[in-house]
Amino acid sequence: MKQKKAWRVVKEVINEADIVVEVVDARDPIGTRNKKLEKMIIERGKKLLIVMNKADLVPKEWAEEYKKKSKIPVIFISARERKGTGILRKELKKIAKEINKEKVKVALIGYPNVGKSTIINVLKGKHAVGTAPIPGYTKGKQLIRLTKRLWLLDTPGVVPIDDFDELVIKGGFPADKIRDPVSPALKLIRRILETRKEALTEKFGIREFKNEEDILRKIGERRGLFREGGEVDIEETARWFLREWQTGRFTLFSLGPEKKEEYIQSFDEILEKIQKEGLTEPRIILWKFEEELWEYLGKEKRFGMIKVGDFIVAIATGFKKCPNAVKFVEKITEKNVLTSECFGKKWKGVVAVLEA
């Protein structure tokens, strides 16, 4: 019922408007554009303008290229930064001239959290010199006067998310609570490959792969998310990957060079023994493998991690102070260390346990 009601409101907004602005998140254009919606607008004979919001978070060259390829007019703005909103206003006036009406009505439509309300507030601003009720439209809704001919519907149309995988990708359902995280993760990977596959190389160093599942497996290998026996834990990898996307730690675009921690991948044999024996207590690990671990001490940073049951065991060496070693582990894993044990003299290392 909620889906039907939401689409009914969207159709109501489209029918009332002369110009429909589809608001899209510039960081995820494929995921936040809706072809069904666009077809509906065009079939009803309405003018359609796509506004890519949050454009300050994508490279200018990419934005220009996207604009050239689009058959529908596209404008890139950043409503929060008040950038490009003047261009939007000019474009609306230009489109309004093509419509033979005294009062041209504009409506904003899009998925949740793409910035529709922010754009409405920016457009209203000091230019909102009057209001008028909309006859026959949902009770309490009004038109805001932008210019002599241009009027704005004060409430946006919210496009419902029909598909559960889409709901997850758009952050509407927490990654940690998904029973089957693999399906939305693979769908997200397909979208990234369609939009900007370089993002996978920049974030994970993945250049060659067979298919989407192979990419997910390679991500798990890089993160050290293995089951007992050495197989990549695909479900846990999918949850981690979705969590990175939902929280914005991974996006299609990296703004500026990200400072990456350099280290040598090490401790594979020791970590495999730790996993086999199911060890998750740093003191016991250090007691059993101290002699082997001391051989790795020196100024070169070394790091390795593996999943053991419900935890991750990580080892890092190449530090002069123990707290620095712990911070390093937390930065690499992007998780909080639950417990740790330091070892070494001039150069130090740490055995740390984190929640998987």
Protein backbone atom coordinates (compact mmCIF):
# COMPACT_ATOMS: atom_id res chain seq x y z
CA MET A 1 0.00 0.00 0.00
CA LYS A 2 2.80 2.41 0.84
CA GLN A 3 4.39 1.89 -2.59
CA LYS A 4 1.05 2.46 -4.36
CA LYS A 5 0.35 5.58 -2.33
CA ALA A 6 3.84 6.96 -3.00
CA TRP A 7 3.50 6.44 -6.76
CA ARG A 8 0.04 8.00 -6.66
CA VAL A 9 1.52 11.15 -5.09
CA VAL A 10 4.35 11.17 -7.67
CA LYS A 11 1.82 10.95 -10.53
CA GLU A 12 -0.20 13.73 -8.90
CA VAL A 13 2.89 15.95 -8.81
CA ILE A 14 3.73 15.19 -12.46
CA ASN A 15 0.17 15.94 -13.60
CA GLU A 16 0.16 19.26 -11.76
CA ALA A 17 3.54 20.43 -13.12
CA ASP A 18 4.57 21.82 -16.49
CA ILE A 19 8.29 21.30 -15.83
CA VAL A 20 9.52 18.33 -13.81
CA VAL A 21 12.99 18.44 -12.28
CA GLU A 22 14.37 14.99 -11.50
CA VAL A 23 16.90 15.43 -8.71
CA VAL A 24 19.76 12.92 -8.84
CA ASP A 25 22.83 12.30 -6.66
CA ALA A 26 25.81 13.12 -8.90
CA ARG A 27 27.91 10.50 -7.09
CA ASP A 28 25.57 7.70 -8.19
CA PRO A 29 23.68 8.80 -11.33
CA ILE A 30 22.65 5.32 -12.49
CA GLY A 31 21.41 4.38 -9.03
CA THR A 32 19.45 7.58 -8.41
CA ARG A 33 17.93 8.15 -11.85
CA ASN A 34 14.62 6.39 -12.48
CA LYS A 35 13.86 5.40 -16.09
CA LYS A 36 10.24 4.50 -15.24
CA LEU A 37 9.75 8.00 -13.83
CA GLU A 38 11.40 9.70 -16.82
CA LYS A 39 9.24 7.74 -19.27
CA MET A 40 6.13 8.69 -17.28
CA ILE A 41 7.04 12.41 -17.42
CA ILE A 42 7.78 12.41 -21.16
CA GLU A 43 4.62 10.40 -22.00
CA ARG A 44 2.52 13.00 -20.16
CA GLY A 45 4.02 15.72 -22.37
CA LYS A 46 5.86 17.46 -19.52
CA LYS A 47 9.26 19.15 -19.86
CA LEU A 48 11.99 17.18 -18.06
CA LEU A 49 15.20 18.56 -16.58
CA ILE A 50 17.73 16.42 -14.70
CA VAL A 51 19.54 18.16 -11.86
CA MET A 52 22.63 16.39 -10.58
CA ASN A 53 22.98 17.55 -6.97
CA LYS A 54 26.16 17.27 -4.83
CA ALA A 55 28.26 18.06 -7.90
CA ASP A 56 31.03 19.38 -5.66
CA LEU A 57 31.76 15.73 -4.85
CA VAL A 58 32.55 14.65 -8.44
CA PRO A 59 35.29 15.73 -10.88
CA LYS A 60 34.33 18.56 -13.23
CA GLU A 61 35.61 16.72 -16.34
CA TRP A 62 33.40 13.72 -15.60
CA ALA A 63 30.37 15.98 -15.08
CA GLU A 64 30.95 17.70 -18.44
CA GLU A 65 31.30 14.35 -20.23
CA TYR A 66 28.10 13.02 -18.64
CA LYS A 67 26.23 16.15 -19.71
CA LYS A 68 27.36 15.76 -23.34
CA LYS A 69 26.16 12.14 -23.54
CA SER A 70 22.71 12.75 -22.05
CA LYS A 71 19.70 13.09 -24.38
CA ILE A 72 17.79 14.87 -21.58
CA PRO A 73 19.04 18.33 -20.43
CA VAL A 74 21.33 18.00 -17.39
CA ILE A 75 22.55 20.59 -14.88
CA PHE A 76 25.13 19.94 -12.16
CA ILE A 77 24.68 21.87 -8.92
CA SER A 78 25.59 21.78 -5.25
CA ALA A 79 22.52 23.05 -3.38
CA ARG A 80 24.23 22.94 0.00
CA GLU A 81 27.19 24.97 -1.30
CA ARG A 82 24.84 27.25 -3.27
CA LYS A 83 26.78 26.48 -6.46
CA GLY A 84 25.01 26.26 -9.80
CA THR A 85 21.60 27.24 -8.44
CA GLY A 86 21.67 30.45 -10.48
CA ILE A 87 22.21 28.35 -13.62
CA LEU A 88 19.26 26.16 -12.60
CA ARG A 89 17.05 29.21 -12.22
CA LYS A 90 18.09 30.49 -15.68
CA GLU A 91 17.45 27.09 -17.26
CA LEU A 92 13.97 26.95 -15.73
CA LYS A 93 13.18 30.41 -17.14
CA LYS A 94 14.47 29.30 -20.56
CA ILE A 95 12.26 26.16 -20.56
CA ALA A 96 9.28 28.20 -19.31
CA LYS A 97 9.49 30.39 -22.44
CA GLU A 98 8.77 27.29 -24.55
CA ILE A 99 5.49 26.71 -22.69
CA ASN A 100 2.47 28.73 -23.79
CA LYS A 101 1.03 29.43 -20.33
CA GLU A 102 0.73 32.44 -18.07
CA LYS A 103 1.58 30.38 -15.00
CA VAL A 104 4.30 27.71 -15.51
CA LYS A 105 4.55 25.23 -12.63
CA VAL A 106 7.76 23.46 -11.61
CA ALA A 107 7.95 20.29 -9.50
CA LEU A 108 10.95 18.48 -8.03
CA ILE A 109 10.91 14.68 -7.92
CA GLY A 110 13.51 12.10 -6.86
CA TYR A 111 14.58 9.40 -4.45
CA PRO A 112 14.95 10.07 -0.70
CA ASN A 113 18.11 11.92 0.41
CA VAL A 114 19.14 13.34 -2.97
CA GLY A 115 18.58 16.93 -1.81
CA LYS A 116 15.13 17.84 -3.18
CA SER A 117 14.04 19.90 -0.16
CA THR A 118 17.37 21.75 -0.03
CA ILE A 119 16.99 22.77 -3.68
CA ILE A 120 13.40 23.92 -3.06
CA ASN A 121 14.56 26.08 -0.14
CA VAL A 122 17.41 27.55 -2.21
CA LEU A 123 15.07 28.34 -5.12
CA LYS A 124 12.51 29.89 -2.79
CA GLY A 125 14.95 32.10 -0.88
CA LYS A 126 14.33 35.82 -1.31
CA HIS A 127 12.78 35.11 -4.74
CA ALA A 128 9.63 33.66 -3.17
CA VAL A 129 7.45 36.76 -3.36
CA GLY A 130 4.07 35.09 -2.97
CA THR A 131 2.14 31.86 -2.56
CA ALA A 132 -1.07 30.38 -3.91
CA PRO A 133 -3.05 27.21 -3.10
CA ILE A 134 -3.21 24.49 -5.75
CA PRO A 135 -6.86 23.75 -6.66
CA GLY A 136 -7.69 20.05 -6.45
CA TYR A 137 -4.19 19.17 -5.24
CA THR A 138 -3.34 17.47 -1.92
CA LYS A 139 -4.66 19.52 1.00
CA GLY A 140 -2.32 22.20 2.32
CA LYS A 141 0.05 22.20 -0.67
CA GLN A 142 0.94 25.53 -2.23
CA LEU A 143 2.72 27.12 -5.16
CA ILE A 144 5.64 29.44 -4.46
CA ARG A 145 6.09 32.32 -6.91
CA LEU A 146 9.66 32.46 -8.25
CA THR A 147 9.09 34.97 -11.09
CA LYS A 148 6.07 36.53 -12.78
CA ARG A 149 5.42 33.31 -14.78
CA LEU A 150 7.38 30.67 -12.87
CA TRP A 151 5.80 28.94 -9.86
CA LEU A 152 7.26 26.14 -7.72
CA LEU A 153 5.37 23.33 -5.96
CA ASP A 154 6.45 23.69 -2.34
CA THR A 155 6.60 19.92 -1.66
CA PRO A 156 8.64 17.42 -3.71
CA GLY A 157 7.49 14.07 -5.05
CA VAL A 158 9.36 11.21 -3.38
CA VAL A 159 10.06 8.25 -5.66
CA PRO A 160 9.51 4.99 -3.73
CA ILE A 161 12.23 2.35 -3.69
CA ASP A 162 10.54 -0.75 -5.11
CA ASP A 163 13.45 -3.20 -4.93
CA PHE A 164 15.04 -4.44 -1.66
CA ASP A 165 18.54 -4.56 -3.16
CA GLU A 166 18.10 -0.92 -4.18
CA LEU A 167 16.92 -0.07 -0.68
CA VAL A 168 20.15 -1.54 0.71
CA ILE A 169 22.39 0.21 -1.84
CA LYS A 170 20.72 3.55 -1.11
CA GLY A 171 21.34 3.09 2.62
CA GLY A 172 17.72 2.43 3.56
CA PHE A 173 18.56 -0.85 5.31
CA PRO A 174 21.73 -1.37 7.44
CA ALA A 175 24.31 -3.69 5.85
CA ASP A 176 24.92 -5.48 9.16
CA LYS A 177 21.29 -6.64 9.37
CA ILE A 178 20.98 -8.15 5.89
CA ARG A 179 20.46 -11.91 5.76
CA ASP A 180 21.68 -12.18 2.17
CA PRO A 181 24.13 -9.32 1.51
CA VAL A 182 25.63 -10.91 -1.63
CA SER A 183 22.78 -10.01 -4.01
CA PRO A 184 22.83 -6.21 -3.34
CA ALA A 185 26.65 -6.23 -3.25
CA LEU A 186 26.85 -7.83 -6.71
CA LYS A 187 24.22 -5.40 -8.02
CA LEU A 188 26.27 -2.49 -6.68
CA ILE A 189 29.44 -3.85 -8.30
CA ARG A 190 27.61 -4.12 -11.66
CA ARG A 191 26.54 -0.49 -11.30
CA ILE A 192 30.09 0.61 -10.55
CA LEU A 193 31.37 -1.27 -13.61
CA GLU A 194 28.75 0.52 -15.76
CA THR A 195 29.41 3.96 -14.29
CA ARG A 196 33.09 4.17 -13.40
CA LYS A 197 35.00 0.91 -12.99
CA GLU A 198 38.22 2.81 -12.18
CA ALA A 199 36.79 3.28 -8.68
CA LEU A 200 37.52 -0.42 -7.97
CA THR A 201 41.16 0.01 -8.97
CA GLU A 202 41.57 3.18 -6.93
CA LYS A 203 40.05 1.70 -3.78
CA PHE A 204 41.02 -1.99 -3.97
CA GLY A 205 43.75 -2.25 -6.61
CA ILE A 206 41.59 -4.63 -8.68
CA ARG A 207 42.47 -4.51 -12.39
CA GLU A 208 41.72 -7.99 -13.71
CA PHE A 209 38.62 -10.04 -12.90
CA LYS A 210 36.28 -12.63 -14.43
CA ASN A 211 32.95 -11.35 -13.14
CA GLU A 212 31.26 -9.47 -10.27
CA GLU A 213 31.63 -12.36 -7.84
CA ASP A 214 35.35 -12.57 -8.63
CA ILE A 215 35.65 -8.87 -7.72
CA LEU A 216 33.89 -9.52 -4.41
CA ARG A 217 36.23 -12.44 -3.71
CA LYS A 218 39.31 -10.31 -4.44
CA ILE A 219 38.00 -7.62 -2.06
CA GLY A 220 37.64 -10.30 0.64
CA GLU A 221 41.21 -11.49 0.03
CA ARG A 222 42.51 -7.94 0.36
CA ARG A 223 40.56 -7.44 3.60
CA GLY A 224 41.66 -10.80 5.03
CA LEU A 225 38.06 -11.97 5.42
CA PHE A 226 38.54 -15.74 5.28
CA ARG A 227 36.59 -18.69 6.64
CA GLU A 228 38.36 -21.51 8.39
CA GLY A 229 40.06 -23.51 5.68
CA GLY A 230 41.25 -20.43 3.79
CA GLU A 231 38.15 -19.66 1.67
CA VAL A 232 37.01 -16.04 1.36
CA ASP A 233 33.94 -15.33 3.50
CA ILE A 234 31.77 -13.94 0.67
CA GLU A 235 28.85 -12.96 2.93
CA GLU A 236 31.04 -11.04 5.37
CA THR A 237 32.91 -9.40 2.46
CA ALA A 238 29.57 -8.33 0.92
CA ARG A 239 28.45 -6.80 4.25
CA TRP A 240 31.74 -4.92 4.61
CA PHE A 241 31.57 -3.68 1.00
CA LEU A 242 27.98 -2.44 1.40
CA ARG A 243 28.87 -0.79 4.71
CA GLU A 244 31.70 1.11 2.99
CA TRP A 245 29.26 2.34 0.33
CA GLN A 246 26.46 3.23 2.76
CA THR A 247 28.78 5.25 5.00
CA GLY A 248 30.46 7.06 2.10
CA ARG A 249 33.92 5.67 2.82
CA PHE A 250 33.80 4.27 -0.72
CA THR A 251 32.36 6.32 -3.57
CA LEU A 252 32.72 6.35 -7.35
CA PHE A 253 35.09 9.28 -7.12
CA SER A 254 38.09 9.99 -4.98
CA LEU A 255 38.49 13.73 -4.41
CA GLY A 256 42.17 14.45 -4.37
CA PRO A 257 44.93 11.96 -3.66
CA GLU A 258 44.15 9.85 -0.63
CA LYS A 259 47.17 9.27 1.57
CA LYS A 260 47.63 5.53 1.69
CA GLU A 261 49.55 3.71 4.34
CA GLU A 262 52.47 1.83 2.80
CA TYR A 263 53.26 -1.58 4.24
CA ILE A 264 54.54 -5.03 3.33
CA GLN A 265 51.98 -7.84 3.43
CA SER A 266 53.38 -10.33 5.95
CA PHE A 267 52.70 -12.97 8.64
CA ASP A 268 50.68 -15.29 6.33
CA GLU A 269 52.01 -18.55 7.82
CA ILE A 270 51.64 -17.35 11.41
CA LEU A 271 48.10 -16.09 10.77
CA GLU A 272 47.08 -19.40 9.18
CA LYS A 273 48.29 -21.24 12.30
CA ILE A 274 46.39 -18.76 14.50
CA GLN A 275 43.22 -19.37 12.49
CA LYS A 276 43.67 -23.16 12.55
CA GLU A 277 44.05 -23.15 16.36
CA GLY A 278 41.22 -20.62 16.81
CA LEU A 279 43.36 -18.20 18.85
CA THR A 280 41.83 -14.81 19.67
CA GLU A 281 43.79 -13.80 22.79
CA PRO A 282 46.80 -11.52 22.00
CA ARG A 283 48.85 -12.69 25.01
CA ILE A 284 48.51 -16.35 24.07
CA ILE A 285 49.32 -15.57 20.41
CA LEU A 286 52.42 -13.65 21.47
CA TRP A 287 53.48 -16.40 23.86
CA LYS A 288 53.17 -19.07 21.12
CA PHE A 289 54.71 -17.10 18.24
CA GLU A 290 56.96 -14.55 19.95
CA GLU A 291 60.20 -15.95 18.52
CA GLU A 292 58.83 -15.90 14.95
CA LEU A 293 57.30 -12.44 15.35
CA TRP A 294 60.50 -10.87 16.65
CA GLU A 295 62.20 -11.79 13.37
CA TYR A 296 59.92 -9.33 11.58
CA LEU A 297 60.83 -6.34 13.78
CA GLY A 298 62.54 -3.42 12.03
CA LYS A 299 61.81 -0.02 10.51
CA GLU A 300 59.77 -1.47 7.60
CA LYS A 301 56.04 -1.48 8.27
CA ARG A 302 54.51 -4.94 7.94
CA PHE A 303 50.89 -5.92 8.29
CA GLY A 304 48.64 -8.97 8.04
CA MET A 305 45.17 -9.98 9.20
CA ILE A 306 42.84 -12.98 9.19
CA LYS A 307 39.32 -13.81 10.37
CA VAL A 308 39.11 -16.18 13.33
CA GLY A 309 35.53 -17.05 14.30
CA ASP A 310 33.71 -13.80 15.11
CA PHE A 311 36.94 -11.80 15.31
CA ILE A 312 39.80 -10.50 13.18
CA VAL A 313 43.37 -11.03 14.33
CA ALA A 314 45.86 -8.48 12.99
CA ILE A 315 49.62 -8.20 13.35
CA ALA A 316 51.65 -5.07 12.57
CA THR A 317 55.36 -4.25 13.05
CA GLY A 318 57.66 -1.31 12.27
CA PHE A 319 56.78 1.26 14.95
CA LYS A 320 58.70 3.12 17.65
CA LYS A 321 55.66 3.44 19.90
CA CYS A 322 52.94 0.89 20.68
CA PRO A 323 49.98 3.35 20.45
CA ASN A 324 51.08 4.20 16.89
CA ALA A 325 50.93 0.52 15.97
CA VAL A 326 47.36 0.25 17.32
CA LYS A 327 46.27 3.39 15.42
CA PHE A 328 47.82 1.96 12.25
CA VAL A 329 45.84 -1.28 12.61
CA GLU A 330 42.61 0.66 13.17
CA LYS A 331 43.28 2.84 10.12
CA ILE A 332 43.98 -0.12 7.83
CA THR A 333 41.02 -2.21 9.04
CA GLU A 334 38.68 0.75 9.69
CA LYS A 335 37.60 -1.03 12.87
CA ASN A 336 38.24 -0.46 16.59
CA VAL A 337 40.81 -2.65 18.34
CA LEU A 338 39.15 -4.61 21.16
CA THR A 339 42.35 -5.83 22.79
CA SER A 340 46.05 -5.83 21.90
CA GLU A 341 49.51 -6.82 23.06
CA CYS A 342 52.69 -4.94 22.21
CA PHE A 343 56.15 -6.48 21.73
CA GLY A 344 59.70 -5.39 20.80
CA LYS A 345 62.36 -2.95 22.05
CA LYS A 346 63.71 -0.25 19.69
CA TRP A 347 61.22 -1.27 16.98
CA LYS A 348 57.84 -2.48 18.14
CA GLY A 349 54.94 -4.53 16.87
CA VAL A 350 51.41 -5.34 17.99
CA VAL A 351 49.04 -8.30 17.98
CA ALA A 352 45.50 -6.93 17.90
CA VAL A 353 42.03 -8.43 17.97
CA LEU A 354 39.08 -6.66 16.35
CA GLU A 355 35.43 -7.49 15.86
CA ALA A 356 34.76 -8.98 12.40
